Amino acid sequence: AGTFLPTFFSHKDDLIEKLSSFGFGFLVPIFFIHTGAVIKLEALLMPGVMSFAASLAALMFGIRLLASATFLSTLGRKGAALFALSLSMPLTLVIATATLFYSTAAISQEIYFAMIIASLIEALASMILINFIYKKF
């Protein structure tokens, strides 16, 4: 819908703005509140969930650090590290994709929980590391 409306209703800018504010102001927060409420604390004790979540979070950090190496000459080491960590914060796509795959039974409950937990780990760790790197270096 996000690409369909601007493409075929480009003459109706006010319609797109109204739908966008409704979606991002109301529907998106409800989706993430629902997703967070579905996660059970028992998931932390399920075999393999935490190890998979930790390895997935490390992989996501590694890929972003590798991608930020492109800007190493422009931003310097500190800037590139901060850039990579700032890219880690908007993980809405990971959560939305995991929810979609889980609702269609494409992934198991353990993998779903691990993806959600990995997203939370990465978001929290990114904020902490950004603050640490910015102040320390």
N, C-alpha and C. Protein backbone atom coordinates (compact mmCIF):
# COMPACT_ATOMS: atom_id res chain seq x y z
N ALA A 1 0.83 -1.19 0.00
CA ALA A 1 0.00 0.00 0.00
C ALA A 1 0.88 1.25 0.00
N GLY A 2 2.03 1.17 0.67
CA GLY A 2 2.91 2.33 0.75
C GLY A 2 3.47 2.75 -0.59
N THR A 3 3.64 1.81 -1.52
CA THR A 3 4.13 2.18 -2.85
C THR A 3 2.98 2.35 -3.84
N PHE A 4 1.86 1.68 -3.60
CA PHE A 4 0.72 1.75 -4.49
C PHE A 4 0.07 3.13 -4.46
N LEU A 5 -0.18 3.65 -3.25
CA LEU A 5 -0.88 4.93 -3.13
C LEU A 5 -0.12 6.09 -3.77
N PRO A 6 1.17 6.29 -3.47
CA PRO A 6 1.87 7.42 -4.12
C PRO A 6 1.98 7.27 -5.64
N THR A 7 2.03 6.03 -6.12
CA THR A 7 2.18 5.82 -7.56
C THR A 7 0.91 6.17 -8.32
N PHE A 8 -0.23 5.68 -7.83
CA PHE A 8 -1.47 5.83 -8.58
C PHE A 8 -2.35 6.97 -8.11
N PHE A 9 -2.04 7.53 -6.94
CA PHE A 9 -2.82 8.66 -6.44
C PHE A 9 -1.91 9.85 -6.14
N SER A 10 -0.96 10.13 -7.04
CA SER A 10 -0.01 11.22 -6.83
C SER A 10 -0.70 12.58 -6.82
N HIS A 11 -1.85 12.67 -7.45
CA HIS A 11 -2.59 13.94 -7.48
C HIS A 11 -3.36 14.19 -6.18
N LYS A 12 -3.44 13.19 -5.31
CA LYS A 12 -4.17 13.31 -4.04
C LYS A 12 -3.18 13.32 -2.88
N ASP A 13 -2.38 14.37 -2.78
CA ASP A 13 -1.36 14.46 -1.72
C ASP A 13 -1.97 14.46 -0.33
N ASP A 14 -3.12 15.10 -0.17
CA ASP A 14 -3.73 15.16 1.15
C ASP A 14 -4.20 13.78 1.62
N LEU A 15 -4.65 12.94 0.71
CA LEU A 15 -5.06 11.58 1.07
C LEU A 15 -3.87 10.77 1.58
N ILE A 16 -2.74 10.87 0.89
CA ILE A 16 -1.53 10.14 1.29
C ILE A 16 -1.05 10.62 2.65
N GLU A 17 -1.07 11.93 2.89
CA GLU A 17 -0.64 12.46 4.18
C GLU A 17 -1.55 12.00 5.30
N LYS A 18 -2.85 12.00 5.08
CA LYS A 18 -3.80 11.58 6.12
C LYS A 18 -3.64 10.10 6.43
N LEU A 19 -3.49 9.27 5.42
CA LEU A 19 -3.30 7.84 5.64
C LEU A 19 -1.96 7.55 6.32
N SER A 20 -0.92 8.30 5.94
CA SER A 20 0.39 8.11 6.54
C SER A 20 0.38 8.45 8.01
N SER A 21 -0.24 9.55 8.38
CA SER A 21 -0.28 9.92 9.79
C SER A 21 -1.13 8.94 10.58
N PHE A 22 -2.19 8.41 10.00
CA PHE A 22 -3.01 7.42 10.69
C PHE A 22 -2.23 6.12 10.87
N GLY A 23 -1.53 5.70 9.83
CA GLY A 23 -0.79 4.45 9.90
C GLY A 23 0.36 4.51 10.89
N PHE A 24 1.20 5.54 10.76
CA PHE A 24 2.37 5.64 11.63
C PHE A 24 2.02 6.12 13.03
N GLY A 25 0.94 6.87 13.17
CA GLY A 25 0.56 7.37 14.48
C GLY A 25 -0.30 6.41 15.28
N PHE A 26 -0.98 5.48 14.60
CA PHE A 26 -1.91 4.61 15.30
C PHE A 26 -1.66 3.13 15.05
N LEU A 27 -1.61 2.72 13.80
CA LEU A 27 -1.53 1.30 13.48
C LEU A 27 -0.16 0.69 13.78
N VAL A 28 0.92 1.37 13.43
CA VAL A 28 2.27 0.84 13.65
C VAL A 28 2.56 0.64 15.13
N PRO A 29 2.26 1.63 16.00
CA PRO A 29 2.49 1.38 17.43
C PRO A 29 1.68 0.22 17.98
N ILE A 30 0.45 0.06 17.52
CA ILE A 30 -0.37 -1.06 17.98
C ILE A 30 0.25 -2.39 17.56
N PHE A 31 0.79 -2.45 16.34
CA PHE A 31 1.45 -3.67 15.88
C PHE A 31 2.62 -4.04 16.78
N PHE A 32 3.47 -3.06 17.13
CA PHE A 32 4.64 -3.36 17.94
C PHE A 32 4.26 -3.65 19.40
N ILE A 33 3.23 -3.02 19.90
CA ILE A 33 2.75 -3.34 21.24
C ILE A 33 2.23 -4.77 21.26
N HIS A 34 1.48 -5.14 20.24
CA HIS A 34 0.97 -6.51 20.16
C HIS A 34 2.11 -7.52 20.05
N THR A 35 3.10 -7.23 19.22
CA THR A 35 4.23 -8.13 19.05
C THR A 35 4.99 -8.30 20.37
N GLY A 36 5.22 -7.20 21.07
CA GLY A 36 5.90 -7.29 22.36
C GLY A 36 5.09 -8.04 23.40
N ALA A 37 3.78 -7.93 23.34
CA ALA A 37 2.92 -8.62 24.31
C ALA A 37 2.85 -10.12 24.02
N VAL A 38 3.10 -10.52 22.80
CA VAL A 38 3.02 -11.94 22.43
C VAL A 38 4.24 -12.72 22.93
N ILE A 39 5.39 -12.07 23.05
CA ILE A 39 6.61 -12.74 23.47
C ILE A 39 6.46 -13.20 24.91
N LYS A 40 6.70 -14.45 25.13
CA LYS A 40 6.60 -15.03 26.48
C LYS A 40 7.97 -15.02 27.13
N LEU A 41 8.00 -14.77 28.43
CA LEU A 41 9.27 -14.79 29.15
C LEU A 41 9.89 -16.19 29.15
N GLU A 42 9.06 -17.21 28.99
CA GLU A 42 9.58 -18.57 28.92
C GLU A 42 10.46 -18.78 27.69
N ALA A 43 10.33 -17.90 26.72
CA ALA A 43 11.14 -18.01 25.50
C ALA A 43 12.62 -17.88 25.82
N LEU A 44 12.93 -17.14 26.88
CA LEU A 44 14.33 -16.98 27.28
C LEU A 44 14.94 -18.30 27.74
N LEU A 45 14.09 -19.22 28.18
CA LEU A 45 14.57 -20.50 28.69
C LEU A 45 14.44 -21.64 27.68
N MET A 46 13.83 -21.37 26.54
CA MET A 46 13.70 -22.41 25.51
C MET A 46 15.07 -22.77 24.98
N PRO A 47 15.30 -24.06 24.76
CA PRO A 47 16.63 -24.47 24.27
C PRO A 47 16.93 -23.88 22.89
N GLY A 48 18.09 -23.26 22.80
CA GLY A 48 18.56 -22.74 21.53
C GLY A 48 18.11 -21.33 21.20
N VAL A 49 17.11 -20.79 21.88
CA VAL A 49 16.58 -19.47 21.53
C VAL A 49 17.61 -18.39 21.82
N MET A 50 18.18 -18.38 23.01
CA MET A 50 19.12 -17.31 23.37
C MET A 50 20.42 -17.42 22.58
N SER A 51 20.89 -18.63 22.33
CA SER A 51 22.13 -18.76 21.56
C SER A 51 21.91 -18.32 20.11
N PHE A 52 20.76 -18.65 19.54
CA PHE A 52 20.45 -18.21 18.18
C PHE A 52 20.25 -16.70 18.14
N ALA A 53 19.58 -16.14 19.15
CA ALA A 53 19.36 -14.70 19.20
C ALA A 53 20.69 -13.95 19.31
N ALA A 54 21.59 -14.47 20.16
CA ALA A 54 22.90 -13.82 20.32
C ALA A 54 23.71 -13.89 19.04
N SER A 55 23.71 -15.04 18.38
CA SER A 55 24.47 -15.16 17.13
C SER A 55 23.85 -14.33 16.02
N LEU A 56 22.54 -14.24 15.99
CA LEU A 56 21.86 -13.40 15.00
C LEU A 56 22.15 -11.92 15.23
N ALA A 57 22.14 -11.49 16.49
CA ALA A 57 22.45 -10.09 16.81
C ALA A 57 23.90 -9.78 16.44
N ALA A 58 24.81 -10.70 16.75
CA ALA A 58 26.22 -10.50 16.40
C ALA A 58 26.39 -10.42 14.88
N LEU A 59 25.69 -11.26 14.15
CA LEU A 59 25.75 -11.23 12.69
C LEU A 59 25.21 -9.90 12.14
N MET A 60 24.13 -9.41 12.71
CA MET A 60 23.57 -8.14 12.26
C MET A 60 24.53 -6.98 12.55
N PHE A 61 25.16 -7.00 13.73
CA PHE A 61 26.16 -5.99 14.05
C PHE A 61 27.34 -6.07 13.08
N GLY A 62 27.81 -7.29 12.83
CA GLY A 62 28.96 -7.48 11.94
C GLY A 62 28.69 -6.99 10.54
N ILE A 63 27.53 -7.28 10.01
CA ILE A 63 27.19 -6.85 8.66
C ILE A 63 27.12 -5.33 8.58
N ARG A 64 26.56 -4.71 9.60
CA ARG A 64 26.48 -3.24 9.59
C ARG A 64 27.86 -2.60 9.75
N LEU A 65 28.71 -3.20 10.56
CA LEU A 65 30.08 -2.68 10.69
C LEU A 65 30.83 -2.82 9.37
N LEU A 66 30.64 -3.94 8.72
CA LEU A 66 31.27 -4.15 7.42
C LEU A 66 30.76 -3.14 6.39
N ALA A 67 29.45 -2.88 6.41
CA ALA A 67 28.88 -1.91 5.46
C ALA A 67 29.37 -0.50 5.75
N SER A 68 29.58 -0.19 7.03
CA SER A 68 30.03 1.17 7.35
C SER A 68 31.49 1.39 6.98
N ALA A 69 32.23 0.33 6.69
CA ALA A 69 33.62 0.47 6.25
C ALA A 69 33.70 1.24 4.93
N THR A 70 32.61 1.27 4.19
CA THR A 70 32.56 2.04 2.95
C THR A 70 32.80 3.52 3.22
N PHE A 71 32.35 3.99 4.37
CA PHE A 71 32.48 5.41 4.72
C PHE A 71 33.65 5.69 5.65
N LEU A 72 34.54 4.74 5.78
CA LEU A 72 35.67 4.88 6.70
C LEU A 72 36.55 6.08 6.34
N SER A 73 36.84 6.26 5.08
CA SER A 73 37.71 7.38 4.67
C SER A 73 37.01 8.73 4.86
N THR A 74 35.71 8.75 4.75
CA THR A 74 34.96 9.99 4.91
C THR A 74 34.69 10.33 6.37
N LEU A 75 34.26 9.33 7.13
CA LEU A 75 33.81 9.56 8.50
C LEU A 75 34.88 9.31 9.56
N GLY A 76 35.91 8.56 9.21
CA GLY A 76 36.89 8.15 10.22
C GLY A 76 36.39 6.94 10.98
N ARG A 77 37.22 6.38 11.85
CA ARG A 77 36.83 5.16 12.57
C ARG A 77 35.67 5.39 13.52
N LYS A 78 35.74 6.47 14.28
CA LYS A 78 34.66 6.76 15.23
C LYS A 78 33.34 7.01 14.50
N GLY A 79 33.38 7.84 13.48
CA GLY A 79 32.18 8.15 12.71
C GLY A 79 31.59 6.93 12.03
N ALA A 80 32.46 6.08 11.48
CA ALA A 80 31.97 4.87 10.82
C ALA A 80 31.33 3.91 11.82
N ALA A 81 31.94 3.80 13.01
CA ALA A 81 31.36 2.94 14.05
C ALA A 81 30.02 3.48 14.51
N LEU A 82 29.93 4.78 14.72
CA LEU A 82 28.65 5.39 15.12
C LEU A 82 27.60 5.25 14.03
N PHE A 83 28.03 5.37 12.78
CA PHE A 83 27.13 5.20 11.65
C PHE A 83 26.57 3.77 11.61
N ALA A 84 27.45 2.79 11.80
CA ALA A 84 27.02 1.39 11.79
C ALA A 84 26.05 1.10 12.93
N LEU A 85 26.34 1.64 14.10
CA LEU A 85 25.46 1.41 15.24
C LEU A 85 24.13 2.12 15.08
N SER A 86 24.13 3.28 14.45
CA SER A 86 22.87 3.98 14.25
C SER A 86 22.00 3.25 13.23
N LEU A 87 22.61 2.54 12.31
CA LEU A 87 21.84 1.73 11.36
C LEU A 87 21.18 0.54 12.05
N SER A 88 21.69 0.14 13.20
CA SER A 88 21.16 -1.02 13.90
C SER A 88 19.86 -0.72 14.62
N MET A 89 19.55 0.54 14.81
CA MET A 89 18.42 0.87 15.67
C MET A 89 17.05 0.68 15.02
N PRO A 90 16.81 1.03 13.76
CA PRO A 90 15.46 0.82 13.22
C PRO A 90 15.26 -0.63 12.76
N LEU A 91 14.85 -1.46 13.66
CA LEU A 91 14.72 -2.89 13.35
C LEU A 91 13.27 -3.30 13.11
N THR A 92 12.48 -2.34 12.67
CA THR A 92 11.07 -2.64 12.44
C THR A 92 10.89 -3.69 11.34
N LEU A 93 11.75 -3.67 10.35
CA LEU A 93 11.63 -4.64 9.26
C LEU A 93 11.88 -6.06 9.74
N VAL A 94 12.85 -6.24 10.63
CA VAL A 94 13.13 -7.58 11.17
C VAL A 94 11.92 -8.10 11.93
N ILE A 95 11.34 -7.26 12.76
CA ILE A 95 10.19 -7.68 13.56
C ILE A 95 8.98 -7.95 12.67
N ALA A 96 8.74 -7.07 11.71
CA ALA A 96 7.60 -7.26 10.80
C ALA A 96 7.78 -8.53 9.96
N THR A 97 8.98 -8.77 9.47
CA THR A 97 9.24 -9.97 8.67
C THR A 97 9.11 -11.22 9.51
N ALA A 98 9.64 -11.20 10.71
CA ALA A 98 9.53 -12.37 11.59
C ALA A 98 8.07 -12.66 11.91
N THR A 99 7.28 -11.62 12.16
CA THR A 99 5.86 -11.81 12.46
C THR A 99 5.12 -12.37 11.26
N LEU A 100 5.44 -11.86 10.08
CA LEU A 100 4.80 -12.36 8.86
C LEU A 100 5.14 -13.83 8.63
N PHE A 101 6.42 -14.19 8.75
CA PHE A 101 6.84 -15.58 8.55
C PHE A 101 6.23 -16.50 9.59
N TYR A 102 6.15 -16.04 10.84
CA TYR A 102 5.59 -16.87 11.90
C TYR A 102 4.09 -17.08 11.70
N SER A 103 3.39 -16.03 11.27
CA SER A 103 1.94 -16.16 11.07
C SER A 103 1.60 -17.08 9.89
N THR A 104 2.52 -17.23 8.95
CA THR A 104 2.29 -18.15 7.83
C THR A 104 2.93 -19.52 8.07
N ALA A 105 3.44 -19.73 9.27
CA ALA A 105 4.07 -21.00 9.68
C ALA A 105 5.32 -21.33 8.86
N ALA A 106 6.00 -20.29 8.36
CA ALA A 106 7.23 -20.50 7.61
C ALA A 106 8.42 -20.71 8.54
N ILE A 107 8.32 -20.19 9.77
CA ILE A 107 9.38 -20.40 10.77
C ILE A 107 8.74 -20.90 12.06
N SER A 108 9.55 -21.54 12.87
CA SER A 108 9.04 -22.08 14.13
C SER A 108 8.92 -20.98 15.18
N GLN A 109 8.25 -21.32 16.27
CA GLN A 109 8.08 -20.38 17.36
C GLN A 109 9.42 -20.00 17.98
N GLU A 110 10.34 -20.95 18.07
CA GLU A 110 11.65 -20.67 18.65
C GLU A 110 12.43 -19.66 17.80
N ILE A 111 12.40 -19.82 16.48
CA ILE A 111 13.10 -18.89 15.60
C ILE A 111 12.44 -17.51 15.66
N TYR A 112 11.12 -17.49 15.72
CA TYR A 112 10.39 -16.22 15.85
C TYR A 112 10.80 -15.49 17.12
N PHE A 113 10.79 -16.18 18.24
CA PHE A 113 11.20 -15.56 19.50
C PHE A 113 12.65 -15.11 19.45
N ALA A 114 13.51 -15.92 18.84
CA ALA A 114 14.93 -15.55 18.74
C ALA A 114 15.12 -14.30 17.90
N MET A 115 14.35 -14.15 16.83
CA MET A 115 14.47 -12.96 15.98
C MET A 115 14.01 -11.71 16.73
N ILE A 116 12.94 -11.83 17.48
CA ILE A 116 12.43 -10.70 18.25
C ILE A 116 13.43 -10.32 19.35
N ILE A 117 13.95 -11.33 20.05
CA ILE A 117 14.92 -11.08 21.12
C ILE A 117 16.21 -10.49 20.53
N ALA A 118 16.65 -10.98 19.38
CA ALA A 118 17.84 -10.43 18.73
C ALA A 118 17.63 -8.96 18.37
N SER A 119 16.44 -8.61 17.92
CA SER A 119 16.14 -7.22 17.61
C SER A 119 16.21 -6.35 18.85
N LEU A 120 15.67 -6.86 19.95
CA LEU A 120 15.72 -6.11 21.21
C LEU A 120 17.16 -5.96 21.70
N ILE A 121 17.92 -7.05 21.63
CA ILE A 121 19.33 -7.00 22.05
C ILE A 121 20.08 -5.97 21.22
N GLU A 122 19.87 -6.01 19.93
CA GLU A 122 20.61 -5.10 19.05
C GLU A 122 20.22 -3.64 19.29
N ALA A 123 18.94 -3.38 19.50
CA ALA A 123 18.51 -2.00 19.75
C ALA A 123 19.08 -1.48 21.06
N LEU A 124 19.01 -2.28 22.10
CA LEU A 124 19.53 -1.84 23.40
C LEU A 124 21.05 -1.70 23.37
N ALA A 125 21.73 -2.68 22.81
CA ALA A 125 23.19 -2.63 22.74
C ALA A 125 23.66 -1.46 21.89
N SER A 126 22.95 -1.17 20.81
CA SER A 126 23.32 -0.05 19.94
C SER A 126 23.26 1.28 20.69
N MET A 127 22.18 1.49 21.43
CA MET A 127 22.04 2.74 22.17
C MET A 127 23.15 2.89 23.21
N ILE A 128 23.46 1.81 23.90
CA ILE A 128 24.51 1.84 24.92
C ILE A 128 25.87 2.08 24.28
N LEU A 129 26.16 1.37 23.20
CA LEU A 129 27.45 1.53 22.53
C LEU A 129 27.62 2.89 21.88
N ILE A 130 26.55 3.44 21.32
CA ILE A 130 26.63 4.78 20.74
C ILE A 130 27.01 5.79 21.82
N ASN A 131 26.35 5.70 22.95
CA ASN A 131 26.65 6.62 24.05
C ASN A 131 28.09 6.43 24.54
N PHE A 132 28.53 5.19 24.67
CA PHE A 132 29.88 4.91 25.15
C PHE A 132 30.94 5.41 24.16
N ILE A 133 30.79 5.10 22.88
CA ILE A 133 31.77 5.50 21.87
C ILE A 133 31.80 7.01 21.72
N TYR A 134 30.65 7.64 21.74
CA TYR A 134 30.60 9.10 21.57
C TYR A 134 31.30 9.81 22.72
N LYS A 135 31.09 9.34 23.95
CA LYS A 135 31.70 9.99 25.11
C LYS A 135 33.16 9.59 25.31
N LYS A 136 33.49 8.34 25.06
CA LYS A 136 34.83 7.83 25.35
C LYS A 136 35.85 8.29 24.32
N PHE A 137 35.49 8.24 23.05
CA PHE A 137 36.44 8.54 21.99
C PHE A 137 36.12 9.88 21.40
